[in-house]
Amino acid sequence: NKIGTYPLAVLAHHHQVPFYVAAPTSTIDPTIKNGSQIPIEERDPSEVTQMRGVRIAPEGVNVRNPAFDVTPAGLITAIVTEQGVLRPPLSEAIKNVLHD
């Protein structure tokens, strides 16, 4: 999951298309209650303000360059893991699979 998963999930939801996440259970942190608690790495702003070393954005422009986005659980149909398919309520499904 990098940048772009969240808008794809929003589009899938809008068009009533199921949205599945494929992830190993090792990437699931059961101590995090919601996406706002996930630390998001901020990458170097020059990655989006420059191209091949040439500045393409105006001087002084404020830039955020997050390495990841967060997809709300409400947009996810299920999470496919090596332990099986986890379906909502995801918090319960995650708890069950990680404690087996």
PDB file of N, CA and C in Angstrom:
ATOM      1  N   ASN A   1       0.832  -1.180   0.000  1.00  0.00           N
ATOM      2  CA  ASN A   1       0.000   0.000   0.000  1.00  0.00           C
ATOM      3  C   ASN A   1       0.876   1.241   0.000  1.00  0.00           C
ATOM      4  N   LYS A   2       0.744   1.998  -1.007  1.00  0.00           N
ATOM      5  CA  LYS A   2       1.422   3.295  -1.099  1.00  0.00           C
ATOM      6  C   LYS A   2       0.329   4.335  -1.326  1.00  0.00           C
ATOM      7  N   ILE A   3       0.677   5.421  -1.905  1.00  0.00           N
ATOM      8  CA  ILE A   3      -0.301   6.459  -2.216  1.00  0.00           C
ATOM      9  C   ILE A   3      -1.190   5.976  -3.366  1.00  0.00           C
ATOM     10  N   GLY A   4      -2.480   6.165  -3.219  1.00  0.00           N
ATOM     11  CA  GLY A   4      -3.409   5.827  -4.292  1.00  0.00           C
ATOM     12  C   GLY A   4      -4.429   4.780  -3.925  1.00  0.00           C
ATOM     13  N   THR A   5      -4.232   4.057  -2.850  1.00  0.00           N
ATOM     14  CA  THR A   5      -5.200   3.037  -2.453  1.00  0.00           C
ATOM     15  C   THR A   5      -6.507   3.672  -1.998  1.00  0.00           C
ATOM     16  N   TYR A   6      -6.410   4.718  -1.192  1.00  0.00           N
ATOM     17  CA  TYR A   6      -7.616   5.374  -0.673  1.00  0.00           C
ATOM     18  C   TYR A   6      -8.534   5.872  -1.801  1.00  0.00           C
ATOM     19  N   PRO A   7      -8.027   6.632  -2.792  1.00  0.00           N
ATOM     20  CA  PRO A   7      -8.946   7.071  -3.847  1.00  0.00           C
ATOM     21  C   PRO A   7      -9.551   5.909  -4.646  1.00  0.00           C
ATOM     22  N   LEU A   8      -8.800   4.823  -4.800  1.00  0.00           N
ATOM     23  CA  LEU A   8      -9.366   3.657  -5.493  1.00  0.00           C
ATOM     24  C   LEU A   8     -10.514   3.052  -4.677  1.00  0.00           C
ATOM     25  N   ALA A   9     -10.339   3.003  -3.355  1.00  0.00           N
ATOM     26  CA  ALA A   9     -11.390   2.478  -2.483  1.00  0.00           C
ATOM     27  C   ALA A   9     -12.636   3.369  -2.532  1.00  0.00           C
ATOM     28  N   VAL A  10     -12.431   4.680  -2.580  1.00  0.00           N
ATOM     29  CA  VAL A  10     -13.561   5.616  -2.674  1.00  0.00           C
ATOM     30  C   VAL A  10     -14.317   5.401  -3.983  1.00  0.00           C
ATOM     31  N   LEU A  11     -13.593   5.264  -5.078  1.00  0.00           N
ATOM     32  CA  LEU A  11     -14.240   5.025  -6.374  1.00  0.00           C
ATOM     33  C   LEU A  11     -14.987   3.695  -6.386  1.00  0.00           C
ATOM     34  N   ALA A  12     -14.377   2.666  -5.843  1.00  0.00           N
ATOM     35  CA  ALA A  12     -15.040   1.362  -5.790  1.00  0.00           C
ATOM     36  C   ALA A  12     -16.332   1.470  -4.982  1.00  0.00           C
ATOM     37  N   HIS A  13     -16.270   2.144  -3.849  1.00  0.00           N
ATOM     38  CA  HIS A  13     -17.456   2.314  -3.006  1.00  0.00           C
ATOM     39  C   HIS A  13     -18.555   3.082  -3.753  1.00  0.00           C
ATOM     40  N   HIS A  14     -18.162   4.162  -4.412  1.00  0.00           N
ATOM     41  CA  HIS A  14     -19.131   4.990  -5.153  1.00  0.00           C
ATOM     42  C   HIS A  14     -19.835   4.184  -6.250  1.00  0.00           C
ATOM     43  N   HIS A  15     -19.088   3.301  -6.885  1.00  0.00           N
ATOM     44  CA  HIS A  15     -19.646   2.515  -7.988  1.00  0.00           C
ATOM     45  C   HIS A  15     -20.109   1.129  -7.548  1.00  0.00           C
ATOM     46  N   GLN A  16     -20.189   0.926  -6.230  1.00  0.00           N
ATOM     47  CA  GLN A  16     -20.675  -0.320  -5.634  1.00  0.00           C
ATOM     48  C   GLN A  16     -19.888  -1.540  -6.129  1.00  0.00           C
ATOM     49  N   VAL A  17     -18.566  -1.361  -6.196  1.00  0.00           N
ATOM     50  CA  VAL A  17     -17.663  -2.444  -6.573  1.00  0.00           C
ATOM     51  C   VAL A  17     -16.942  -2.910  -5.303  1.00  0.00           C
ATOM     52  N   PRO A  18     -16.948  -4.199  -5.011  1.00  0.00           N
ATOM     53  CA  PRO A  18     -16.242  -4.675  -3.810  1.00  0.00           C
ATOM     54  C   PRO A  18     -14.759  -4.300  -3.859  1.00  0.00           C
ATOM     55  N   PHE A  19     -14.215  -3.975  -2.691  1.00  0.00           N
ATOM     56  CA  PHE A  19     -12.813  -3.571  -2.595  1.00  0.00           C
ATOM     57  C   PHE A  19     -12.110  -4.481  -1.599  1.00  0.00           C
ATOM     58  N   TYR A  20     -11.169  -5.271  -2.095  1.00  0.00           N
ATOM     59  CA  TYR A  20     -10.443  -6.230  -1.270  1.00  0.00           C
ATOM     60  C   TYR A  20      -9.004  -5.766  -1.063  1.00  0.00           C
ATOM     61  N   VAL A  21      -8.484  -6.015   0.117  1.00  0.00           N
ATOM     62  CA  VAL A  21      -7.091  -5.730   0.435  1.00  0.00           C
ATOM     63  C   VAL A  21      -6.382  -7.070   0.588  1.00  0.00           C
ATOM     64  N   ALA A  22      -5.236  -7.218  -0.059  1.00  0.00           N
ATOM     65  CA  ALA A  22      -4.404  -8.410   0.124  1.00  0.00           C
ATOM     66  C   ALA A  22      -3.209  -8.007   0.986  1.00  0.00           C
ATOM     67  N   ALA A  23      -3.077  -8.661   2.134  1.00  0.00           N
ATOM     68  CA  ALA A  23      -2.000  -8.296   3.060  1.00  0.00           C
ATOM     69  C   ALA A  23      -1.670  -9.465   3.977  1.00  0.00           C
ATOM     70  N   PRO A  24      -0.387  -9.657   4.267  1.00  0.00           N
ATOM     71  CA  PRO A  24      -0.034 -10.686   5.255  1.00  0.00           C
ATOM     72  C   PRO A  24      -0.435 -10.197   6.647  1.00  0.00           C
ATOM     73  N   THR A  25      -0.765 -11.127   7.528  1.00  0.00           N
ATOM     74  CA  THR A  25      -1.169 -10.735   8.882  1.00  0.00           C
ATOM     75  C   THR A  25      -0.031 -10.033   9.623  1.00  0.00           C
ATOM     76  N   SER A  26       1.202 -10.234   9.195  1.00  0.00           N
ATOM     77  CA  SER A  26       2.336  -9.570   9.848  1.00  0.00           C
ATOM     78  C   SER A  26       2.288  -8.054   9.686  1.00  0.00           C
ATOM     79  N   THR A  27       1.496  -7.550   8.742  1.00  0.00           N
ATOM     80  CA  THR A  27       1.386  -6.099   8.538  1.00  0.00           C
ATOM     81  C   THR A  27       0.240  -5.487   9.326  1.00  0.00           C
ATOM     82  N   ILE A  28      -0.517  -6.297  10.039  1.00  0.00           N
ATOM     83  CA  ILE A  28      -1.673  -5.803  10.800  1.00  0.00           C
ATOM     84  C   ILE A  28      -1.247  -5.541  12.239  1.00  0.00           C
ATOM     85  N   ASP A  29      -1.509  -4.332  12.709  1.00  0.00           N
ATOM     86  CA  ASP A  29      -1.185  -3.961  14.087  1.00  0.00           C
ATOM     87  C   ASP A  29      -2.484  -3.877  14.885  1.00  0.00           C
ATOM     88  N   PRO A  30      -2.767  -4.880  15.716  1.00  0.00           N
ATOM     89  CA  PRO A  30      -4.037  -4.901  16.447  1.00  0.00           C
ATOM     90  C   PRO A  30      -4.131  -3.833  17.542  1.00  0.00           C
ATOM     91  N   THR A  31      -3.033  -3.154  17.858  1.00  0.00           N
ATOM     92  CA  THR A  31      -3.073  -2.125  18.901  1.00  0.00           C
ATOM     93  C   THR A  31      -3.575  -0.787  18.379  1.00  0.00           C
ATOM     94  N   ILE A  32      -3.662  -0.641  17.067  1.00  0.00           N
ATOM     95  CA  ILE A  32      -4.128   0.607  16.472  1.00  0.00           C
ATOM     96  C   ILE A  32      -5.636   0.536  16.295  1.00  0.00           C
ATOM     97  N   LYS A  33      -6.339   1.485  16.911  1.00  0.00           N
ATOM     98  CA  LYS A  33      -7.803   1.472  16.886  1.00  0.00           C
ATOM     99  C   LYS A  33      -8.378   2.014  15.583  1.00  0.00           C
ATOM    100  N   ASN A  34      -7.670   2.978  14.957  1.00  0.00           N
ATOM    101  CA  ASN A  34      -8.155   3.518  13.688  1.00  0.00           C
ATOM    102  C   ASN A  34      -6.984   4.124  12.914  1.00  0.00           C
ATOM    103  N   GLY A  35      -7.245   4.474  11.682  1.00  0.00           N
ATOM    104  CA  GLY A  35      -6.199   4.950  10.789  1.00  0.00           C
ATOM    105  C   GLY A  35      -5.509   6.223  11.222  1.00  0.00           C
ATOM    106  N   SER A  36      -6.163   7.034  12.052  1.00  0.00           N
ATOM    107  CA  SER A  36      -5.533   8.281  12.488  1.00  0.00           C
ATOM    108  C   SER A  36      -4.331   8.021  13.396  1.00  0.00           C
ATOM    109  N   GLN A  37      -4.230   6.819  13.929  1.00  0.00           N
ATOM    110  CA  GLN A  37      -3.114   6.474  14.814  1.00  0.00           C
ATOM    111  C   GLN A  37      -1.906   5.903  14.063  1.00  0.00           C
ATOM    112  N   ILE A  38      -2.026   5.729  12.763  1.00  0.00           N
ATOM    113  CA  ILE A  38      -0.936   5.167  11.970  1.00  0.00           C
ATOM    114  C   ILE A  38       0.057   6.271  11.630  1.00  0.00           C
ATOM    115  N   PRO A  39       1.322   6.119  12.030  1.00  0.00           N
ATOM    116  CA  PRO A  39       2.319   7.136  11.661  1.00  0.00           C
ATOM    117  C   PRO A  39       2.604   7.061  10.161  1.00  0.00           C
ATOM    118  N   ILE A  40       2.520   8.197   9.504  1.00  0.00           N
ATOM    119  CA  ILE A  40       2.742   8.260   8.059  1.00  0.00           C
ATOM    120  C   ILE A  40       4.074   8.967   7.795  1.00  0.00           C
ATOM    121  N   GLU A  41       4.978   8.256   7.153  1.00  0.00           N
ATOM    122  CA  GLU A  41       6.273   8.835   6.790  1.00  0.00           C
ATOM    123  C   GLU A  41       6.067   9.969   5.792  1.00  0.00           C
ATOM    124  N   GLU A  42       6.728  11.082   6.034  1.00  0.00           N
ATOM    125  CA  GLU A  42       6.719  12.194   5.076  1.00  0.00           C
ATOM    126  C   GLU A  42       8.011  12.139   4.267  1.00  0.00           C
ATOM    127  N   ARG A  43       7.882  12.086   2.971  1.00  0.00           N
ATOM    128  CA  ARG A  43       9.037  11.994   2.085  1.00  0.00           C
ATOM    129  C   ARG A  43       9.530  13.409   1.741  1.00  0.00           C
ATOM    130  N   ASP A  44      10.682  13.479   1.121  1.00  0.00           N
ATOM    131  CA  ASP A  44      11.301  14.753   0.758  1.00  0.00           C
ATOM    132  C   ASP A  44      10.393  15.521  -0.210  1.00  0.00           C
ATOM    133  N   PRO A  45      10.045  16.769   0.126  1.00  0.00           N
ATOM    134  CA  PRO A  45       9.176  17.559  -0.768  1.00  0.00           C
ATOM    135  C   PRO A  45       9.737  17.723  -2.176  1.00  0.00           C
ATOM    136  N   SER A  46      11.063  17.682  -2.319  1.00  0.00           N
ATOM    137  CA  SER A  46      11.649  17.866  -3.649  1.00  0.00           C
ATOM    138  C   SER A  46      11.234  16.766  -4.621  1.00  0.00           C
ATOM    139  N   GLU A  47      10.757  15.636  -4.099  1.00  0.00           N
ATOM    140  CA  GLU A  47      10.296  14.558  -4.985  1.00  0.00           C
ATOM    141  C   GLU A  47       9.096  14.990  -5.822  1.00  0.00           C
ATOM    142  N   VAL A  48       8.342  15.979  -5.342  1.00  0.00           N
ATOM    143  CA  VAL A  48       7.178  16.455  -6.099  1.00  0.00           C
ATOM    144  C   VAL A  48       7.315  17.898  -6.568  1.00  0.00           C
ATOM    145  N   THR A  49       8.327  18.612  -6.084  1.00  0.00           N
ATOM    146  CA  THR A  49       8.518  19.995  -6.520  1.00  0.00           C
ATOM    147  C   THR A  49       9.583  20.107  -7.607  1.00  0.00           C
ATOM    148  N   GLN A  50      10.304  19.012  -7.838  1.00  0.00           N
ATOM    149  CA  GLN A  50      11.353  19.018  -8.855  1.00  0.00           C
ATOM    150  C   GLN A  50      11.218  17.823  -9.781  1.00  0.00           C
ATOM    151  N   MET A  51      11.694  18.013 -11.000  1.00  0.00           N
ATOM    152  CA  MET A  51      11.756  16.911 -11.955  1.00  0.00           C
ATOM    153  C   MET A  51      13.126  16.961 -12.611  1.00  0.00           C
ATOM    154  N   ARG A  52      13.867  15.867 -12.427  1.00  0.00           N
ATOM    155  CA  ARG A  52      15.233  15.782 -12.966  1.00  0.00           C
ATOM    156  C   ARG A  52      16.088  16.960 -12.512  1.00  0.00           C
ATOM    157  N   GLY A  53      15.901  17.351 -11.239  1.00  0.00           N
ATOM    158  CA  GLY A  53      16.703  18.418 -10.664  1.00  0.00           C
ATOM    159  C   GLY A  53      16.245  19.825 -11.001  1.00  0.00           C
ATOM    160  N   VAL A  54      15.176  19.948 -11.781  1.00  0.00           N
ATOM    161  CA  VAL A  54      14.652  21.264 -12.163  1.00  0.00           C
ATOM    162  C   VAL A  54      13.363  21.516 -11.383  1.00  0.00           C
ATOM    163  N   ARG A  55      13.313  22.662 -10.708  1.00  0.00           N
ATOM    164  CA  ARG A  55      12.132  23.001  -9.914  1.00  0.00           C
ATOM    165  C   ARG A  55      10.932  23.228 -10.844  1.00  0.00           C
ATOM    166  N   ILE A  56       9.811  22.553 -10.539  1.00  0.00           N
ATOM    167  CA  ILE A  56       8.597  22.692 -11.354  1.00  0.00           C
ATOM    168  C   ILE A  56       7.453  23.317 -10.559  1.00  0.00           C
ATOM    169  N   ALA A  57       7.660  23.527  -9.266  1.00  0.00           N
ATOM    170  CA  ALA A  57       6.649  24.156  -8.417  1.00  0.00           C
ATOM    171  C   ALA A  57       7.130  25.554  -8.039  1.00  0.00           C
ATOM    172  N   PRO A  58       6.216  26.472  -7.814  1.00  0.00           N
ATOM    173  CA  PRO A  58       6.628  27.828  -7.420  1.00  0.00           C
ATOM    174  C   PRO A  58       7.397  27.814  -6.096  1.00  0.00           C
ATOM    175  N   GLU A  59       8.352  28.732  -5.954  1.00  0.00           N
ATOM    176  CA  GLU A  59       9.091  28.880  -4.696  1.00  0.00           C
ATOM    177  C   GLU A  59       8.102  29.188  -3.574  1.00  0.00           C
ATOM    178  N   GLY A  60       8.347  28.616  -2.410  1.00  0.00           N
ATOM    179  CA  GLY A  60       7.534  28.919  -1.244  1.00  0.00           C
ATOM    180  C   GLY A  60       6.237  28.133  -1.141  1.00  0.00           C
ATOM    181  N   VAL A  61       5.946  27.289  -2.132  1.00  0.00           N
ATOM    182  CA  VAL A  61       4.711  26.508  -2.083  1.00  0.00           C
ATOM    183  C   VAL A  61       4.822  25.467  -0.964  1.00  0.00           C
ATOM    184  N   ASN A  62       3.750  25.297  -0.190  1.00  0.00           N
ATOM    185  CA  ASN A  62       3.729  24.284   0.852  1.00  0.00           C
ATOM    186  C   ASN A  62       3.452  22.929   0.226  1.00  0.00           C
ATOM    187  N   VAL A  63       4.269  21.945   0.586  1.00  0.00           N
ATOM    188  CA  VAL A  63       4.159  20.617  -0.005  1.00  0.00           C
ATOM    189  C   VAL A  63       4.108  19.563   1.086  1.00  0.00           C
ATOM    190  N   ARG A  64       3.180  18.627   0.939  1.00  0.00           N
ATOM    191  CA  ARG A  64       3.172  17.398   1.736  1.00  0.00           C
ATOM    192  C   ARG A  64       3.436  16.267   0.768  1.00  0.00           C
ATOM    193  N   ASN A  65       4.294  15.353   1.194  1.00  0.00           N
ATOM    194  CA  ASN A  65       4.634  14.218   0.345  1.00  0.00           C
ATOM    195  C   ASN A  65       4.591  12.941   1.182  1.00  0.00           C
ATOM    196  N   PRO A  66       3.380  12.510   1.574  1.00  0.00           N
ATOM    197  CA  PRO A  66       3.290  11.301   2.397  1.00  0.00           C
ATOM    198  C   PRO A  66       3.665  10.060   1.592  1.00  0.00           C
ATOM    199  N   ALA A  67       4.317   9.120   2.265  1.00  0.00           N
ATOM    200  CA  ALA A  67       4.726   7.884   1.604  1.00  0.00           C
ATOM    201  C   ALA A  67       3.551   6.906   1.468  1.00  0.00           C
ATOM    202  N   PHE A  68       2.544   7.042   2.317  1.00  0.00           N
ATOM    203  CA  PHE A  68       1.406   6.127   2.333  1.00  0.00           C
ATOM    204  C   PHE A  68       0.116   6.903   2.530  1.00  0.00           C
ATOM    205  N   ASP A  69      -0.996   6.280   2.161  1.00  0.00           N
ATOM    206  CA  ASP A  69      -2.291   6.809   2.568  1.00  0.00           C
ATOM    207  C   ASP A  69      -3.000   5.737   3.392  1.00  0.00           C
ATOM    208  N   VAL A  70      -4.068   6.122   4.035  1.00  0.00           N
ATOM    209  CA  VAL A  70      -4.814   5.205   4.898  1.00  0.00           C
ATOM    210  C   VAL A  70      -6.200   5.014   4.302  1.00  0.00           C
ATOM    211  N   THR A  71      -6.622   3.768   4.186  1.00  0.00           N
ATOM    212  CA  THR A  71      -7.946   3.443   3.656  1.00  0.00           C
ATOM    213  C   THR A  71      -8.863   3.090   4.817  1.00  0.00           C
ATOM    214  N   PRO A  72      -9.940   3.859   5.022  1.00  0.00           N
ATOM    215  CA  PRO A  72     -10.852   3.565   6.129  1.00  0.00           C
ATOM    216  C   PRO A  72     -11.475   2.170   6.005  1.00  0.00           C
ATOM    217  N   ALA A  73     -11.628   1.513   7.137  1.00  0.00           N
ATOM    218  CA  ALA A  73     -12.173   0.149   7.170  1.00  0.00           C
ATOM    219  C   ALA A  73     -13.545   0.063   6.507  1.00  0.00           C
ATOM    220  N   GLY A  74     -14.327   1.120   6.607  1.00  0.00           N
ATOM    221  CA  GLY A  74     -15.662   1.123   6.019  1.00  0.00           C
ATOM    222  C   GLY A  74     -15.684   1.000   4.507  1.00  0.00           C
ATOM    223  N   LEU A  75     -14.547   1.227   3.868  1.00  0.00           N
ATOM    224  CA  LEU A  75     -14.462   1.103   2.404  1.00  0.00           C
ATOM    225  C   LEU A  75     -13.941  -0.256   1.963  1.00  0.00           C
ATOM    226  N   ILE A  76     -13.541  -1.083   2.924  1.00  0.00           N
ATOM    227  CA  ILE A  76     -12.926  -2.374   2.616  1.00  0.00           C
ATOM    228  C   ILE A  76     -13.948  -3.500   2.737  1.00  0.00           C
ATOM    229  N   THR A  77     -14.112  -4.265   1.672  1.00  0.00           N
ATOM    230  CA  THR A  77     -15.029  -5.406   1.664  1.00  0.00           C
ATOM    231  C   THR A  77     -14.476  -6.534   2.522  1.00  0.00           C
ATOM    232  N   ALA A  78     -13.194  -6.812   2.358  1.00  0.00           N
ATOM    233  CA  ALA A  78     -12.533  -7.871   3.125  1.00  0.00           C
ATOM    234  C   ALA A  78     -11.028  -7.736   2.953  1.00  0.00           C
ATOM    235  N   ILE A  79     -10.297  -8.360   3.899  1.00  0.00           N
ATOM    236  CA  ILE A  79      -8.845  -8.420   3.816  1.00  0.00           C
ATOM    237  C   ILE A  79      -8.465  -9.880   3.567  1.00  0.00           C
ATOM    238  N   VAL A  80      -7.740 -10.110   2.490  1.00  0.00           N
ATOM    239  CA  VAL A  80      -7.309 -11.459   2.144  1.00  0.00           C
ATOM    240  C   VAL A  80      -5.903 -11.656   2.718  1.00  0.00           C
ATOM    241  N   THR A  81      -5.762 -12.649   3.615  1.00  0.00           N
ATOM    242  CA  THR A  81      -4.474 -12.917   4.260  1.00  0.00           C
ATOM    243  C   THR A  81      -4.102 -14.380   4.067  1.00  0.00           C
ATOM    244  N   GLU A  82      -2.902 -14.739   4.524  1.00  0.00           N
ATOM    245  CA  GLU A  82      -2.478 -16.140   4.473  1.00  0.00           C
ATOM    246  C   GLU A  82      -3.275 -16.999   5.449  1.00  0.00           C
ATOM    247  N   GLN A  83      -3.993 -16.355   6.375  1.00  0.00           N
ATOM    248  CA  GLN A  83      -4.826 -17.059   7.352  1.00  0.00           C
ATOM    249  C   GLN A  83      -6.276 -17.192   6.888  1.00  0.00           C
ATOM    250  N   GLY A  84      -6.590 -16.572   5.752  1.00  0.00           N
ATOM    251  CA  GLY A  84      -7.951 -16.613   5.239  1.00  0.00           C
ATOM    252  C   GLY A  84      -8.465 -15.220   4.942  1.00  0.00           C
ATOM    253  N   VAL A  85      -9.750 -15.139   4.638  1.00  0.00           N
ATOM    254  CA  VAL A  85     -10.385 -13.875   4.285  1.00  0.00           C
ATOM    255  C   VAL A  85     -11.051 -13.294   5.535  1.00  0.00           C
ATOM    256  N   LEU A  86     -10.661 -12.065   5.884  1.00  0.00           N
ATOM    257  CA  LEU A  86     -11.225 -11.379   7.044  1.00  0.00           C
ATOM    258  C   LEU A  86     -12.319 -10.433   6.574  1.00  0.00           C
ATOM    259  N   ARG A  87     -13.504 -10.622   7.133  1.00  0.00           N
ATOM    260  CA  ARG A  87     -14.663  -9.798   6.736  1.00  0.00           C
ATOM    261  C   ARG A  87     -15.128  -8.952   7.911  1.00  0.00           C
ATOM    262  N   PRO A  88     -15.833  -7.846   7.622  1.00  0.00           N
ATOM    263  CA  PRO A  88     -16.347  -6.996   8.705  1.00  0.00           C
ATOM    264  C   PRO A  88     -17.257  -7.780   9.651  1.00  0.00           C
ATOM    265  N   PRO A  89     -17.268  -7.380  10.907  1.00  0.00           N
ATOM    266  CA  PRO A  89     -16.483  -6.273  11.465  1.00  0.00           C
ATOM    267  C   PRO A  89     -15.008  -6.643  11.537  1.00  0.00           C
ATOM    268  N   LEU A  90     -14.182  -5.834  10.876  1.00  0.00           N
ATOM    269  CA  LEU A  90     -12.764  -6.159  10.733  1.00  0.00           C
ATOM    270  C   LEU A  90     -12.030  -6.213  12.060  1.00  0.00           C
ATOM    271  N   SER A  91     -12.398  -5.371  13.005  1.00  0.00           N
ATOM    272  CA  SER A  91     -11.699  -5.399  14.297  1.00  0.00           C
ATOM    273  C   SER A  91     -11.855  -6.765  14.961  1.00  0.00           C
ATOM    274  N   GLU A  92     -13.027  -7.342  14.878  1.00  0.00           N
ATOM    275  CA  GLU A  92     -13.262  -8.682  15.447  1.00  0.00           C
ATOM    276  C   GLU A  92     -12.540  -9.757  14.650  1.00  0.00           C
ATOM    277  N   ALA A  93     -12.606  -9.669  13.335  1.00  0.00           N
ATOM    278  CA  ALA A  93     -11.957 -10.663  12.480  1.00  0.00           C
ATOM    279  C   ALA A  93     -10.446 -10.648  12.695  1.00  0.00           C
ATOM    280  N   ILE A  94      -9.873  -9.453  12.815  1.00  0.00           N
ATOM    281  CA  ILE A  94      -8.428  -9.328  13.051  1.00  0.00           C
ATOM    282  C   ILE A  94      -8.071  -9.915  14.405  1.00  0.00           C
ATOM    283  N   LYS A  95      -8.859  -9.596  15.406  1.00  0.00           N
ATOM    284  CA  LYS A  95      -8.598 -10.121  16.748  1.00  0.00           C
ATOM    285  C   LYS A  95      -8.630 -11.644  16.735  1.00  0.00           C
ATOM    286  N   ASN A  96      -9.600 -12.213  16.055  1.00  0.00           N
ATOM    287  CA  ASN A  96      -9.731 -13.673  15.996  1.00  0.00           C
ATOM    288  C   ASN A  96      -8.552 -14.332  15.288  1.00  0.00           C
ATOM    289  N   VAL A  97      -8.133 -13.783  14.167  1.00  0.00           N
ATOM    290  CA  VAL A  97      -7.058 -14.421  13.402  1.00  0.00           C
ATOM    291  C   VAL A  97      -5.699 -14.238  14.076  1.00  0.00           C
ATOM    292  N   LEU A  98      -5.481 -13.123  14.746  1.00  0.00           N
ATOM    293  CA  LEU A  98      -4.187 -12.890  15.384  1.00  0.00           C
ATOM    294  C   LEU A  98      -4.048 -13.601  16.722  1.00  0.00           C
ATOM    295  N   HIS A  99      -5.164 -14.033  17.294  1.00  0.00           N
ATOM    296  CA  HIS A  99      -5.098 -14.718  18.584  1.00  0.00           C
ATOM    297  C   HIS A  99      -5.269 -16.229  18.467  1.00  0.00           C
ATOM    298  N   ASP A 100      -5.351 -16.735  17.246  1.00  0.00           N
ATOM    299  CA  ASP A 100      -5.463 -18.197  17.047  1.00  0.00           C
ATOM    300  C   ASP A 100      -4.120 -18.858  17.155  1.00  0.00           C
TER     301      ASP A 100
END
